[in-house]
PDB file of N, CA and C in Angstrom:
ATOM      1  N   MET A   1      83.111  -8.886 -36.677  1.00  0.00           N
ATOM      2  CA  MET A   1      84.444  -8.292 -36.641  1.00  0.00           C
ATOM      3  C   MET A   1      84.308  -6.821 -37.023  1.00  0.00           C
ATOM      4  N   TYR A   2      84.941  -5.966 -36.264  1.00  0.00           N
ATOM      5  CA  TYR A   2      84.941  -4.528 -36.512  1.00  0.00           C
ATOM      6  C   TYR A   2      86.349  -4.083 -36.859  1.00  0.00           C
ATOM      7  N   LYS A   3      86.452  -2.983 -37.575  1.00  0.00           N
ATOM      8  CA  LYS A   3      87.741  -2.323 -37.826  1.00  0.00           C
ATOM      9  C   LYS A   3      87.657  -0.943 -37.213  1.00  0.00           C
ATOM     10  N   SER A   4      88.775  -0.478 -36.689  1.00  0.00           N
ATOM     11  CA  SER A   4      88.778   0.827 -36.042  1.00  0.00           C
ATOM     12  C   SER A   4      90.138   1.488 -36.170  1.00  0.00           C
ATOM     13  N   HIS A   5      90.110   2.798 -36.276  1.00  0.00           N
ATOM     14  CA  HIS A   5      91.320   3.611 -36.249  1.00  0.00           C
ATOM     15  C   HIS A   5      91.780   3.737 -34.797  1.00  0.00           C
ATOM     16  N   VAL A   6      93.083   3.699 -34.576  1.00  0.00           N
ATOM     17  CA  VAL A   6      93.647   3.874 -33.237  1.00  0.00           C
ATOM     18  C   VAL A   6      93.929   5.355 -33.041  1.00  0.00           C
ATOM     19  N   SER A   7      93.359   5.917 -31.973  1.00  0.00           N
ATOM     20  CA  SER A   7      93.540   7.333 -31.649  1.00  0.00           C
ATOM     21  C   SER A   7      94.520   7.484 -30.493  1.00  0.00           C
ATOM     22  N   GLU A   8      95.140   8.615 -30.424  1.00  0.00           N
ATOM     23  CA  GLU A   8      96.057   8.874 -29.311  1.00  0.00           C
ATOM     24  C   GLU A   8      95.251   9.178 -28.058  1.00  0.00           C
ATOM     25  N   GLY A   9      95.648   8.564 -26.972  1.00  0.00           N
ATOM     26  CA  GLY A   9      94.964   8.781 -25.701  1.00  0.00           C
ATOM     27  C   GLY A   9      95.763   9.698 -24.795  1.00  0.00           C
ATOM     28  N   ARG A  10      95.342   9.763 -23.547  1.00  0.00           N
ATOM     29  CA  ARG A  10      95.992  10.633 -22.565  1.00  0.00           C
ATOM     30  C   ARG A  10      97.004   9.893 -21.696  1.00  0.00           C
ATOM     31  N   GLY A  11      97.111   8.585 -21.863  1.00  0.00           N
ATOM     32  CA  GLY A  11      98.091   7.818 -21.106  1.00  0.00           C
ATOM     33  C   GLY A  11      97.639   7.384 -19.730  1.00  0.00           C
ATOM     34  N   ARG A  12      96.356   7.554 -19.420  1.00  0.00           N
ATOM     35  CA  ARG A  12      95.880   7.162 -18.078  1.00  0.00           C
ATOM     36  C   ARG A  12      96.004   5.662 -17.854  1.00  0.00           C
ATOM     37  N   GLY A  13      95.690   4.859 -18.875  1.00  0.00           N
ATOM     38  CA  GLY A  13      95.772   3.409 -18.723  1.00  0.00           C
ATOM     39  C   GLY A  13      97.173   2.961 -18.367  1.00  0.00           C
ATOM     40  N   LYS A  14      98.153   3.551 -19.016  1.00  0.00           N
ATOM     41  CA  LYS A  14      99.550   3.204 -18.732  1.00  0.00           C
ATOM     42  C   LYS A  14      99.900   3.556 -17.280  1.00  0.00           C
ATOM     43  N   THR A  15      99.448   4.719 -16.837  1.00  0.00           N
ATOM     44  CA  THR A  15      99.690   5.153 -15.461  1.00  0.00           C
ATOM     45  C   THR A  15      99.051   4.195 -14.458  1.00  0.00           C
ATOM     46  N   LEU A  16      97.884   3.635 -14.824  1.00  0.00           N
ATOM     47  CA  LEU A  16      97.189   2.697 -13.940  1.00  0.00           C
ATOM     48  C   LEU A  16      97.801   1.298 -13.964  1.00  0.00           C
ATOM     49  N   GLY A  17      98.712   1.059 -14.920  1.00  0.00           N
ATOM     50  CA  GLY A  17      99.320  -0.261 -15.047  1.00  0.00           C
ATOM     51  C   GLY A  17      98.641  -1.131 -16.082  1.00  0.00           C
ATOM     52  N   PHE A  18      97.691  -0.560 -16.820  1.00  0.00           N
ATOM     53  CA  PHE A  18      96.947  -1.277 -17.855  1.00  0.00           C
ATOM     54  C   PHE A  18      96.867  -0.409 -19.109  1.00  0.00           C
ATOM     55  N   PRO A  19      97.962  -0.329 -19.870  1.00  0.00           N
ATOM     56  CA  PRO A  19      97.943   0.529 -21.063  1.00  0.00           C
ATOM     57  C   PRO A  19      96.861   0.075 -22.042  1.00  0.00           C
ATOM     58  N   THR A  20      96.273   1.039 -22.728  1.00  0.00           N
ATOM     59  CA  THR A  20      95.196   0.719 -23.664  1.00  0.00           C
ATOM     60  C   THR A  20      95.460   1.346 -25.022  1.00  0.00           C
ATOM     61  N   LEU A  21      94.824   0.756 -26.015  1.00  0.00           N
ATOM     62  CA  LEU A  21      94.713   1.379 -27.325  1.00  0.00           C
ATOM     63  C   LEU A  21      93.342   2.045 -27.343  1.00  0.00           C
ATOM     64  N   ASN A  22      93.308   3.303 -27.710  1.00  0.00           N
ATOM     65  CA  ASN A  22      92.054   4.038 -27.814  1.00  0.00           C
ATOM     66  C   ASN A  22      91.540   3.892 -29.232  1.00  0.00           C
ATOM     67  N   LEU A  23      90.339   3.378 -29.363  1.00  0.00           N
ATOM     68  CA  LEU A  23      89.769   3.078 -30.670  1.00  0.00           C
ATOM     69  C   LEU A  23      88.631   4.033 -30.991  1.00  0.00           C
ATOM     70  N   ASP A  24      88.533   4.430 -32.261  1.00  0.00           N
ATOM     71  CA  ASP A  24      87.364   5.173 -32.706  1.00  0.00           C
ATOM     72  C   ASP A  24      86.182   4.209 -32.673  1.00  0.00           C
ATOM     73  N   ILE A  25      85.056   4.668 -32.195  1.00  0.00           N
ATOM     74  CA  ILE A  25      83.870   3.821 -32.111  1.00  0.00           C
ATOM     75  C   ILE A  25      83.330   3.619 -33.527  1.00  0.00           C
ATOM     76  N   PRO A  26      83.268   2.365 -33.975  1.00  0.00           N
ATOM     77  CA  PRO A  26      82.789   2.111 -35.340  1.00  0.00           C
ATOM     78  C   PRO A  26      81.321   2.498 -35.515  1.00  0.00           C
ATOM     79  N   LYS A  27      80.966   2.844 -36.740  1.00  0.00           N
ATOM     80  CA  LYS A  27      79.559   3.068 -37.059  1.00  0.00           C
ATOM     81  C   LYS A  27      78.856   1.727 -36.939  1.00  0.00           C
ATOM     82  N   LYS A  28      77.607   1.756 -36.574  1.00  0.00           N
ATOM     83  CA  LYS A  28      76.804   0.538 -36.403  1.00  0.00           C
ATOM     84  C   LYS A  28      77.402  -0.389 -35.341  1.00  0.00           C
ATOM     85  N   PHE A  29      77.972   0.194 -34.310  1.00  0.00           N
ATOM     86  CA  PHE A  29      78.519  -0.568 -33.185  1.00  0.00           C
ATOM     87  C   PHE A  29      77.370  -0.813 -32.213  1.00  0.00           C
ATOM     88  N   ASP A  30      76.838  -2.013 -32.214  1.00  0.00           N
ATOM     89  CA  ASP A  30      75.611  -2.265 -31.472  1.00  0.00           C
ATOM     90  C   ASP A  30      75.830  -3.061 -30.187  1.00  0.00           C
ATOM     91  N   TYR A  31      76.695  -2.539 -29.348  1.00  0.00           N
ATOM     92  CA  TYR A  31      76.925  -3.121 -28.023  1.00  0.00           C
ATOM     93  C   TYR A  31      76.544  -2.083 -26.978  1.00  0.00           C
ATOM     94  N   GLY A  32      76.085  -2.567 -25.840  1.00  0.00           N
ATOM     95  CA  GLY A  32      75.805  -1.673 -24.725  1.00  0.00           C
ATOM     96  C   GLY A  32      77.084  -1.325 -23.990  1.00  0.00           C
ATOM     97  N   TYR A  33      77.027  -0.264 -23.212  1.00  0.00           N
ATOM     98  CA  TYR A  33      78.189   0.125 -22.410  1.00  0.00           C
ATOM     99  C   TYR A  33      78.573  -1.014 -21.482  1.00  0.00           C
ATOM    100  N   GLY A  34      79.877  -1.221 -21.338  1.00  0.00           N
ATOM    101  CA  GLY A  34      80.338  -2.249 -20.425  1.00  0.00           C
ATOM    102  C   GLY A  34      81.775  -2.642 -20.677  1.00  0.00           C
ATOM    103  N   ILE A  35      82.199  -3.649 -19.950  1.00  0.00           N
ATOM    104  CA  ILE A  35      83.529  -4.228 -20.055  1.00  0.00           C
ATOM    105  C   ILE A  35      83.354  -5.592 -20.711  1.00  0.00           C
ATOM    106  N   TYR A  36      84.212  -5.895 -21.703  1.00  0.00           N
ATOM    107  CA  TYR A  36      84.082  -7.111 -22.495  1.00  0.00           C
ATOM    108  C   TYR A  36      85.428  -7.819 -22.637  1.00  0.00           C
ATOM    109  N   ALA A  37      85.384  -9.125 -22.763  1.00  0.00           N
ATOM    110  CA  ALA A  37      86.540  -9.918 -23.197  1.00  0.00           C
ATOM    111  C   ALA A  37      86.453 -10.003 -24.713  1.00  0.00           C
ATOM    112  N   GLY A  38      87.598  -9.930 -25.382  1.00  0.00           N
ATOM    113  CA  GLY A  38      87.553 -10.022 -26.836  1.00  0.00           C
ATOM    114  C   GLY A  38      88.929 -10.197 -27.456  1.00  0.00           C
ATOM    115  N   TRP A  39      88.918 -10.225 -28.787  1.00  0.00           N
ATOM    116  CA  TRP A  39      90.128 -10.390 -29.583  1.00  0.00           C
ATOM    117  C   TRP A  39      90.411  -9.118 -30.355  1.00  0.00           C
ATOM    118  N   VAL A  40      91.685  -8.787 -30.479  1.00  0.00           N
ATOM    119  CA  VAL A  40      92.096  -7.645 -31.292  1.00  0.00           C
ATOM    120  C   VAL A  40      93.236  -8.103 -32.200  1.00  0.00           C
ATOM    121  N   THR A  41      93.170  -7.714 -33.463  1.00  0.00           N
ATOM    122  CA  THR A  41      94.212  -8.054 -34.421  1.00  0.00           C
ATOM    123  C   THR A  41      94.989  -6.791 -34.745  1.00  0.00           C
ATOM    124  N   ILE A  42      96.285  -6.844 -34.455  1.00  0.00           N
ATOM    125  CA  ILE A  42      97.189  -5.711 -34.676  1.00  0.00           C
ATOM    126  C   ILE A  42      98.291  -6.184 -35.606  1.00  0.00           C
ATOM    127  N   SER A  43      98.429  -5.530 -36.738  1.00  0.00           N
ATOM    128  CA  SER A  43      99.458  -5.886 -37.721  1.00  0.00           C
ATOM    129  C   SER A  43      99.444  -7.384 -38.034  1.00  0.00           C
ATOM    130  N   GLY A  44      98.255  -7.956 -38.193  1.00  0.00           N
ATOM    131  CA  GLY A  44      98.116  -9.366 -38.564  1.00  0.00           C
ATOM    132  C   GLY A  44      98.233 -10.351 -37.425  1.00  0.00           C
ATOM    133  N   GLN A  45      98.494  -9.887 -36.207  1.00  0.00           N
ATOM    134  CA  GLN A  45      98.620 -10.790 -35.060  1.00  0.00           C
ATOM    135  C   GLN A  45      97.436 -10.620 -34.121  1.00  0.00           C
ATOM    136  N   ARG A  46      96.843 -11.756 -33.732  1.00  0.00           N
ATOM    137  CA  ARG A  46      95.692 -11.720 -32.825  1.00  0.00           C
ATOM    138  C   ARG A  46      96.152 -11.770 -31.374  1.00  0.00           C
ATOM    139  N   HIS A  47      95.486 -10.968 -30.577  1.00  0.00           N
ATOM    140  CA  HIS A  47      95.787 -10.899 -29.144  1.00  0.00           C
ATOM    141  C   HIS A  47      94.484 -10.917 -28.366  1.00  0.00           C
ATOM    142  N   GLN A  48      94.562 -11.427 -27.157  1.00  0.00           N
ATOM    143  CA  GLN A  48      93.442 -11.336 -26.230  1.00  0.00           C
ATOM    144  C   GLN A  48      93.420  -9.928 -25.649  1.00  0.00           C
ATOM    145  N   GLY A  49      92.221  -9.488 -25.238  1.00  0.00           N
ATOM    146  CA  GLY A  49      92.135  -8.170 -24.628  1.00  0.00           C
ATOM    147  C   GLY A  49      90.896  -7.993 -23.783  1.00  0.00           C
ATOM    148  N   ALA A  50      90.933  -6.961 -22.961  1.00  0.00           N
ATOM    149  CA  ALA A  50      89.780  -6.524 -22.178  1.00  0.00           C
ATOM    150  C   ALA A  50      89.395  -5.146 -22.710  1.00  0.00           C
ATOM    151  N   PHE A  51      88.144  -5.011 -23.125  1.00  0.00           N
ATOM    152  CA  PHE A  51      87.639  -3.792 -23.749  1.00  0.00           C
ATOM    153  C   PHE A  51      86.770  -3.008 -22.769  1.00  0.00           C
ATOM    154  N   HIS A  52      86.862  -1.705 -22.840  1.00  0.00           N
ATOM    155  CA  HIS A  52      85.961  -0.806 -22.113  1.00  0.00           C
ATOM    156  C   HIS A  52      85.207   0.000 -23.157  1.00  0.00           C
ATOM    157  N   TYR A  53      83.879   0.015 -23.038  1.00  0.00           N
ATOM    158  CA  TYR A  53      83.054   0.830 -23.921  1.00  0.00           C
ATOM    159  C   TYR A  53      82.065   1.611 -23.073  1.00  0.00           C
ATOM    160  N   GLY A  54      82.150   2.925 -23.148  1.00  0.00           N
ATOM    161  CA  GLY A  54      81.221   3.778 -22.415  1.00  0.00           C
ATOM    162  C   GLY A  54      81.927   4.954 -21.777  1.00  0.00           C
ATOM    163  N   PRO A  55      81.214   5.659 -20.907  1.00  0.00           N
ATOM    164  CA  PRO A  55      81.822   6.782 -20.188  1.00  0.00           C
ATOM    165  C   PRO A  55      82.839   6.260 -19.174  1.00  0.00           C
ATOM    166  N   ILE A  56      83.634   7.178 -18.653  1.00  0.00           N
ATOM    167  CA  ILE A  56      84.623   6.813 -17.624  1.00  0.00           C
ATOM    168  C   ILE A  56      84.352   7.711 -16.418  1.00  0.00           C
ATOM    169  N   PRO A  57      83.389   7.324 -15.591  1.00  0.00           N
ATOM    170  CA  PRO A  57      82.947   8.226 -14.519  1.00  0.00           C
ATOM    171  C   PRO A  57      84.008   8.570 -13.484  1.00  0.00           C
ATOM    172  N   VAL A  58      84.933   7.662 -13.196  1.00  0.00           N
ATOM    173  CA  VAL A  58      85.958   7.954 -12.183  1.00  0.00           C
ATOM    174  C   VAL A  58      86.836   9.136 -12.606  1.00  0.00           C
ATOM    175  N   PHE A  59      86.927   9.399 -13.928  1.00  0.00           N
ATOM    176  CA  PHE A  59      87.693  10.545 -14.434  1.00  0.00           C
ATOM    177  C   PHE A  59      86.778  11.633 -14.995  1.00  0.00           C
ATOM    178  N   ASN A  60      85.479  11.577 -14.659  1.00  0.00           N
ATOM    179  CA  ASN A  60      84.487  12.568 -15.098  1.00  0.00           C
ATOM    180  C   ASN A  60      84.412  12.703 -16.615  1.00  0.00           C
ATOM    181  N   ILE A  61      84.556  11.587 -17.333  1.00  0.00           N
ATOM    182  CA  ILE A  61      84.434  11.585 -18.792  1.00  0.00           C
ATOM    183  C   ILE A  61      83.056  11.024 -19.129  1.00  0.00           C
ATOM    184  N   GLU A  62      82.203  11.878 -19.672  1.00  0.00           N
ATOM    185  CA  GLU A  62      80.824  11.486 -19.955  1.00  0.00           C
ATOM    186  C   GLU A  62      80.638  10.923 -21.356  1.00  0.00           C
ATOM    187  N   LEU A  63      81.409  11.410 -22.328  1.00  0.00           N
ATOM    188  CA  LEU A  63      81.282  10.901 -23.690  1.00  0.00           C
ATOM    189  C   LEU A  63      81.808   9.471 -23.744  1.00  0.00           C
ATOM    190  N   PRO A  64      81.142   8.583 -24.483  1.00  0.00           N
ATOM    191  CA  PRO A  64      81.608   7.194 -24.530  1.00  0.00           C
ATOM    192  C   PRO A  64      82.981   7.062 -25.186  1.00  0.00           C
ATOM    193  N   LYS A  65      83.766   6.179 -24.637  1.00  0.00           N
ATOM    194  CA  LYS A  65      85.099   5.840 -25.152  1.00  0.00           C
ATOM    195  C   LYS A  65      85.120   4.344 -25.435  1.00  0.00           C
ATOM    196  N   LEU A  66      85.973   3.958 -26.384  1.00  0.00           N
ATOM    197  CA  LEU A  66      86.212   2.540 -26.665  1.00  0.00           C
ATOM    198  C   LEU A  66      87.710   2.335 -26.589  1.00  0.00           C
ATOM    199  N   GLU A  67      88.130   1.459 -25.693  1.00  0.00           N
ATOM    200  CA  GLU A  67      89.556   1.202 -25.528  1.00  0.00           C
ATOM    201  C   GLU A  67      89.756  -0.261 -25.192  1.00  0.00           C
ATOM    202  N   VAL A  68      90.957  -0.737 -25.492  1.00  0.00           N
ATOM    203  CA  VAL A  68      91.273  -2.135 -25.230  1.00  0.00           C
ATOM    204  C   VAL A  68      92.642  -2.231 -24.562  1.00  0.00           C
ATOM    205  N   HIS A  69      92.686  -3.008 -23.492  1.00  0.00           N
ATOM    206  CA  HIS A  69      93.956  -3.388 -22.879  1.00  0.00           C
ATOM    207  C   HIS A  69      94.335  -4.707 -23.532  1.00  0.00           C
ATOM    208  N   VAL A  70      95.390  -4.684 -24.329  1.00  0.00           N
ATOM    209  CA  VAL A  70      95.832  -5.863 -25.076  1.00  0.00           C
ATOM    210  C   VAL A  70      96.790  -6.652 -24.203  1.00  0.00           C
ATOM    211  N   PHE A  71      96.513  -7.943 -24.044  1.00  0.00           N
ATOM    212  CA  PHE A  71      97.359  -8.773 -23.196  1.00  0.00           C
ATOM    213  C   PHE A  71      98.639  -9.130 -23.937  1.00  0.00           C
ATOM    214  N   ASP A  72      99.733  -9.079 -23.231  1.00  0.00           N
ATOM    215  CA  ASP A  72     101.025  -9.573 -23.725  1.00  0.00           C
ATOM    216  C   ASP A  72     101.438  -8.951 -25.057  1.00  0.00           C
ATOM    217  N   ALA A  73     101.255  -7.642 -25.203  1.00  0.00           N
ATOM    218  CA  ALA A  73     101.624  -6.962 -26.450  1.00  0.00           C
ATOM    219  C   ALA A  73     102.585  -5.818 -26.164  1.00  0.00           C
ATOM    220  N   ASP A  74     103.386  -5.492 -27.147  1.00  0.00           N
ATOM    221  CA  ASP A  74     104.345  -4.391 -27.060  1.00  0.00           C
ATOM    222  C   ASP A  74     103.660  -3.131 -27.582  1.00  0.00           C
ATOM    223  N   PHE A  75     103.417  -2.172 -26.702  1.00  0.00           N
ATOM    224  CA  PHE A  75     102.701  -0.972 -27.107  1.00  0.00           C
ATOM    225  C   PHE A  75     103.581   0.053 -27.796  1.00  0.00           C
ATOM    226  N   ASP A  76     104.866  -0.200 -27.891  1.00  0.00           N
ATOM    227  CA  ASP A  76     105.723   0.721 -28.632  1.00  0.00           C
ATOM    228  C   ASP A  76     105.522   0.569 -30.136  1.00  0.00           C
ATOM    229  N   LYS A  77     104.968  -0.541 -30.552  1.00  0.00           N
ATOM    230  CA  LYS A  77     104.757  -0.806 -31.976  1.00  0.00           C
ATOM    231  C   LYS A  77     103.287  -1.104 -32.199  1.00  0.00           C
ATOM    232  N   THR A  78     102.512  -0.083 -32.519  1.00  0.00           N
ATOM    233  CA  THR A  78     101.088  -0.269 -32.763  1.00  0.00           C
ATOM    234  C   THR A  78     100.741   0.221 -34.156  1.00  0.00           C
ATOM    235  N   ALA A  79      99.678  -0.311 -34.696  1.00  0.00           N
ATOM    236  CA  ALA A  79      99.227   0.060 -36.029  1.00  0.00           C
ATOM    237  C   ALA A  79      98.291   1.259 -35.948  1.00  0.00           C
ATOM    238  N   ASP A  80      98.034   1.856 -37.113  1.00  0.00           N
ATOM    239  CA  ASP A  80      97.077   2.957 -37.183  1.00  0.00           C
ATOM    240  C   ASP A  80      95.645   2.457 -37.034  1.00  0.00           C
ATOM    241  N   SER A  81      95.427   1.186 -37.381  1.00  0.00           N
ATOM    242  CA  SER A  81      94.088   0.623 -37.262  1.00  0.00           C
ATOM    243  C   SER A  81      94.186  -0.828 -36.816  1.00  0.00           C
ATOM    244  N   VAL A  82      93.092  -1.316 -36.265  1.00  0.00           N
ATOM    245  CA  VAL A  82      93.025  -2.690 -35.776  1.00  0.00           C
ATOM    246  C   VAL A  82      91.671  -3.283 -36.167  1.00  0.00           C
ATOM    247  N   SER A  83      91.592  -4.604 -36.111  1.00  0.00           N
ATOM    248  CA  SER A  83      90.319  -5.321 -36.214  1.00  0.00           C
ATOM    249  C   SER A  83      90.057  -5.924 -34.843  1.00  0.00           C
ATOM    250  N   PHE A  84      88.782  -6.026 -34.483  1.00  0.00           N
ATOM    251  CA  PHE A  84      88.482  -6.599 -33.174  1.00  0.00           C
ATOM    252  C   PHE A  84      87.094  -7.207 -33.152  1.00  0.00           C
ATOM    253  N   GLU A  85      86.908  -8.097 -32.181  1.00  0.00           N
ATOM    254  CA  GLU A  85      85.579  -8.639 -31.919  1.00  0.00           C
ATOM    255  C   GLU A  85      85.412  -8.815 -30.415  1.00  0.00           C
ATOM    256  N   LEU A  86      84.244  -8.469 -29.943  1.00  0.00           N
ATOM    257  CA  LEU A  86      83.913  -8.655 -28.538  1.00  0.00           C
ATOM    258  C   LEU A  86      83.297 -10.040 -28.383  1.00  0.00           C
ATOM    259  N   ILE A  87      83.757 -10.789 -27.385  1.00  0.00           N
ATOM    260  CA  ILE A  87      83.323 -12.171 -27.194  1.00  0.00           C
ATOM    261  C   ILE A  87      82.302 -12.300 -26.069  1.00  0.00           C
ATOM    262  N   GLN A  88      82.589 -11.666 -24.933  1.00  0.00           N
ATOM    263  CA  GLN A  88      81.678 -11.844 -23.795  1.00  0.00           C
ATOM    264  C   GLN A  88      81.663 -10.605 -22.917  1.00  0.00           C
ATOM    265  N   PHE A  89      80.450 -10.219 -22.515  1.00  0.00           N
ATOM    266  CA  PHE A  89      80.239  -9.129 -21.564  1.00  0.00           C
ATOM    267  C   PHE A  89      80.747  -9.566 -20.199  1.00  0.00           C
ATOM    268  N   LEU A  90      81.518  -8.694 -19.533  1.00  0.00           N
ATOM    269  CA  LEU A  90      82.041  -9.014 -18.202  1.00  0.00           C
ATOM    270  C   LEU A  90      81.278  -8.301 -17.090  1.00  0.00           C
ATOM    271  N   ARG A  91      81.035  -7.003 -17.293  1.00  0.00           N
ATOM    272  CA  ARG A  91      80.326  -6.237 -16.265  1.00  0.00           C
ATOM    273  C   ARG A  91      79.924  -4.874 -16.832  1.00  0.00           C
ATOM    274  N   SER A  92      79.103  -4.175 -16.084  1.00  0.00           N
ATOM    275  CA  SER A  92      78.692  -2.821 -16.458  1.00  0.00           C
ATOM    276  C   SER A  92      79.783  -1.814 -16.106  1.00  0.00           C
ATOM    277  N   VAL A  93      79.733  -0.651 -16.731  1.00  0.00           N
ATOM    278  CA  VAL A  93      80.611   0.461 -16.370  1.00  0.00           C
ATOM    279  C   VAL A  93      80.188   0.944 -14.986  1.00  0.00           C
ATOM    280  N   LYS A  94      81.161   1.185 -14.116  1.00  0.00           N
ATOM    281  CA  LYS A  94      80.871   1.626 -12.748  1.00  0.00           C
ATOM    282  C   LYS A  94      81.662   2.885 -12.421  1.00  0.00           C
ATOM    283  N   ASN A  95      81.154   3.624 -11.463  1.00  0.00           N
ATOM    284  CA  ASN A  95      81.882   4.779 -10.937  1.00  0.00           C
ATOM    285  C   ASN A  95      82.532   4.342  -9.627  1.00  0.00           C
ATOM    286  N   PHE A  96      83.840   4.192  -9.649  1.00  0.00           N
ATOM    287  CA  PHE A  96      84.562   3.734  -8.468  1.00  0.00           C
ATOM    288  C   PHE A  96      84.901   4.916  -7.565  1.00  0.00           C
ATOM    289  N   PRO A  97      84.830   4.713  -6.250  1.00  0.00           N
ATOM    290  CA  PRO A  97      85.098   5.827  -5.334  1.00  0.00           C
ATOM    291  C   PRO A  97      86.556   6.294  -5.372  1.00  0.00           C
ATOM    292  N   THR A  98      87.475   5.375  -5.700  1.00  0.00           N
ATOM    293  CA  THR A  98      88.890   5.753  -5.753  1.00  0.00           C
ATOM    294  C   THR A  98      89.548   5.107  -6.970  1.00  0.00           C
ATOM    295  N   VAL A  99      90.673   5.645  -7.355  1.00  0.00           N
ATOM    296  CA  VAL A  99      91.451   5.065  -8.452  1.00  0.00           C
ATOM    297  C   VAL A  99      91.960   3.682  -8.047  1.00  0.00           C
ATOM    298  N   ALA A 100      92.296   3.494  -6.786  1.00  0.00           N
ATOM    299  CA  ALA A 100      92.742   2.176  -6.301  1.00  0.00           C
ATOM    300  C   ALA A 100      91.650   1.135  -6.504  1.00  0.00           C
ATOM    301  N   ASP A 101      90.405   1.508  -6.264  1.00  0.00           N
ATOM    302  CA  ASP A 101      89.287   0.581  -6.491  1.00  0.00           C
ATOM    303  C   ASP A 101      89.145   0.261  -7.980  1.00  0.00           C
ATOM    304  N   LEU A 102      89.353   1.260  -8.820  1.00  0.00           N
ATOM    305  CA  LEU A 102      89.317   1.043 -10.267  1.00  0.00           C
ATOM    306  C   LEU A 102      90.402   0.052 -10.689  1.00  0.00           C
ATOM    307  N   ILE A 103      91.616   0.220 -10.182  1.00  0.00           N
ATOM    308  CA  ILE A 103      92.726  -0.667 -10.527  1.00  0.00           C
ATOM    309  C   ILE A 103      92.411  -2.112 -10.120  1.00  0.00           C
ATOM    310  N   LYS A 104      91.829  -2.304  -8.940  1.00  0.00           N
ATOM    311  CA  LYS A 104      91.452  -3.652  -8.494  1.00  0.00           C
ATOM    312  C   LYS A 104      90.417  -4.259  -9.443  1.00  0.00           C
ATOM    313  N   ALA A 105      89.454  -3.450  -9.865  1.00  0.00           N
ATOM    314  CA  ALA A 105      88.411  -3.942 -10.771  1.00  0.00           C
ATOM    315  C   ALA A 105      88.999  -4.299 -12.135  1.00  0.00           C
ATOM    316  N   ILE A 106      89.906  -3.475 -12.637  1.00  0.00           N
ATOM    317  CA  ILE A 106      90.538  -3.772 -13.928  1.00  0.00           C
ATOM    318  C   ILE A 106      91.321  -5.074 -13.844  1.00  0.00           C
ATOM    319  N   ALA A 107      92.073  -5.258 -12.774  1.00  0.00           N
ATOM    320  CA  ALA A 107      92.843  -6.499 -12.601  1.00  0.00           C
ATOM    321  C   ALA A 107      91.903  -7.710 -12.604  1.00  0.00           C
ATOM    322  N   ALA A 108      90.770  -7.596 -11.927  1.00  0.00           N
ATOM    323  CA  ALA A 108      89.798  -8.697 -11.915  1.00  0.00           C
ATOM    324  C   ALA A 108      89.205  -8.914 -13.308  1.00  0.00           C
ATOM    325  N   ASP A 109      88.945  -7.821 -14.034  1.00  0.00           N
ATOM    326  CA  ASP A 109      88.419  -7.926 -15.397  1.00  0.00           C
ATOM    327  C   ASP A 109      89.413  -8.653 -16.305  1.00  0.00           C
ATOM    328  N   VAL A 110      90.676  -8.314 -16.190  1.00  0.00           N
ATOM    329  CA  VAL A 110      91.717  -8.940 -17.013  1.00  0.00           C
ATOM    330  C   VAL A 110      91.802 -10.430 -16.700  1.00  0.00           C
ATOM    331  N   ASP A 111      91.791 -10.791 -15.424  1.00  0.00           N
ATOM    332  CA  ASP A 111      91.834 -12.206 -15.046  1.00  0.00           C
ATOM    333  C   ASP A 111      90.634 -12.963 -15.614  1.00  0.00           C
ATOM    334  N   LYS A 112      89.465 -12.378 -15.492  1.00  0.00           N
ATOM    335  CA  LYS A 112      88.247 -13.021 -15.988  1.00  0.00           C
ATOM    336  C   LYS A 112      88.297 -13.158 -17.514  1.00  0.00           C
ATOM    337  N   ALA A 113      88.758 -12.104 -18.201  1.00  0.00           N
ATOM    338  CA  ALA A 113      88.850 -12.150 -19.667  1.00  0.00           C
ATOM    339  C   ALA A 113      89.844 -13.222 -20.111  1.00  0.00           C
ATOM    340  N   ARG A 114      90.978 -13.316 -19.448  1.00  0.00           N
ATOM    341  CA  ARG A 114      91.960 -14.358 -19.799  1.00  0.00           C
ATOM    342  C   ARG A 114      91.344 -15.756 -19.664  1.00  0.00           C
ATOM    343  N   THR A 115      90.612 -15.979 -18.592  1.00  0.00           N
ATOM    344  CA  THR A 115      89.981 -17.278 -18.357  1.00  0.00           C
ATOM    345  C   THR A 115      88.968 -17.595 -19.458  1.00  0.00           C
ATOM    346  N   ILE A 116      88.161 -16.629 -19.805  1.00  0.00           N
ATOM    347  CA  ILE A 116      87.142 -16.826 -20.845  1.00  0.00           C
ATOM    348  C   ILE A 116      87.794 -17.089 -22.197  1.00  0.00           C
ATOM    349  N   LEU A 117      88.798 -16.310 -22.539  1.00  0.00           N
ATOM    350  CA  LEU A 117      89.379 -16.373 -23.882  1.00  0.00           C
ATOM    351  C   LEU A 117      90.316 -17.558 -24.102  1.00  0.00           C
ATOM    352  N   LYS A 118      90.817 -18.157 -23.031  1.00  0.00           N
ATOM    353  CA  LYS A 118      91.754 -19.268 -23.231  1.00  0.00           C
ATOM    354  C   LYS A 118      91.081 -20.454 -23.905  1.00  0.00           C
ATOM    355  N   ASN A 119      89.763 -20.551 -23.816  1.00  0.00           N
ATOM    356  CA  ASN A 119      89.031 -21.655 -24.432  1.00  0.00           C
ATOM    357  C   ASN A 119      88.222 -21.239 -25.660  1.00  0.00           C
ATOM    358  N   LYS A 120      88.445 -20.025 -26.137  1.00  0.00           N
ATOM    359  CA  LYS A 120      87.708 -19.514 -27.288  1.00  0.00           C
ATOM    360  C   LYS A 120      88.669 -19.259 -28.436  1.00  0.00           C
ATOM    361  N   THR A 121      88.202 -19.447 -29.632  1.00  0.00           N
ATOM    362  CA  THR A 121      89.001 -19.096 -30.793  1.00  0.00           C
ATOM    363  C   THR A 121      88.342 -17.926 -31.495  1.00  0.00           C
ATOM    364  N   PRO A 122      89.149 -16.990 -31.977  1.00  0.00           N
ATOM    365  CA  PRO A 122      88.588 -15.837 -32.658  1.00  0.00           C
ATOM    366  C   PRO A 122      88.004 -16.203 -34.017  1.00  0.00           C
ATOM    367  N   SER A 123      87.086 -15.379 -34.507  1.00  0.00           N
ATOM    368  CA  SER A 123      86.560 -15.566 -35.856  1.00  0.00           C
ATOM    369  C   SER A 123      87.660 -15.262 -36.851  1.00  0.00           C
ATOM    370  N   LYS A 124      87.506 -15.732 -38.046  1.00  0.00           N
ATOM    371  CA  LYS A 124      88.523 -15.491 -39.069  1.00  0.00           C
ATOM    372  C   LYS A 124      88.240 -14.208 -39.796  1.00  0.00           C
TER     373      LYS A 124
END
């Protein structure tokens, strides 16, 4: 389980239809770049999510970012910090030729993460 401060983002996820919480990358974060299914705890409530860790080549962002699209959550009420755990690697970070291709991939990632997480319980 990791804890992270929530940073303000640029709103691209919301524009794409998949709003995200931008997380500070924890020290000793020993995961490779990729897309993951996982759990995030916000204000004491656990939610399923799809995490992105790494660069964002479609937007020419080379520095690694950590963000989570939280399923079924109200983004108007977010905490300054969250706890989270990554459960399963979904795929590598890719450079999509178009934003439309990125949106299709995110939708597939969310579907896959929901399927994986429906049978998993988060750590305490």
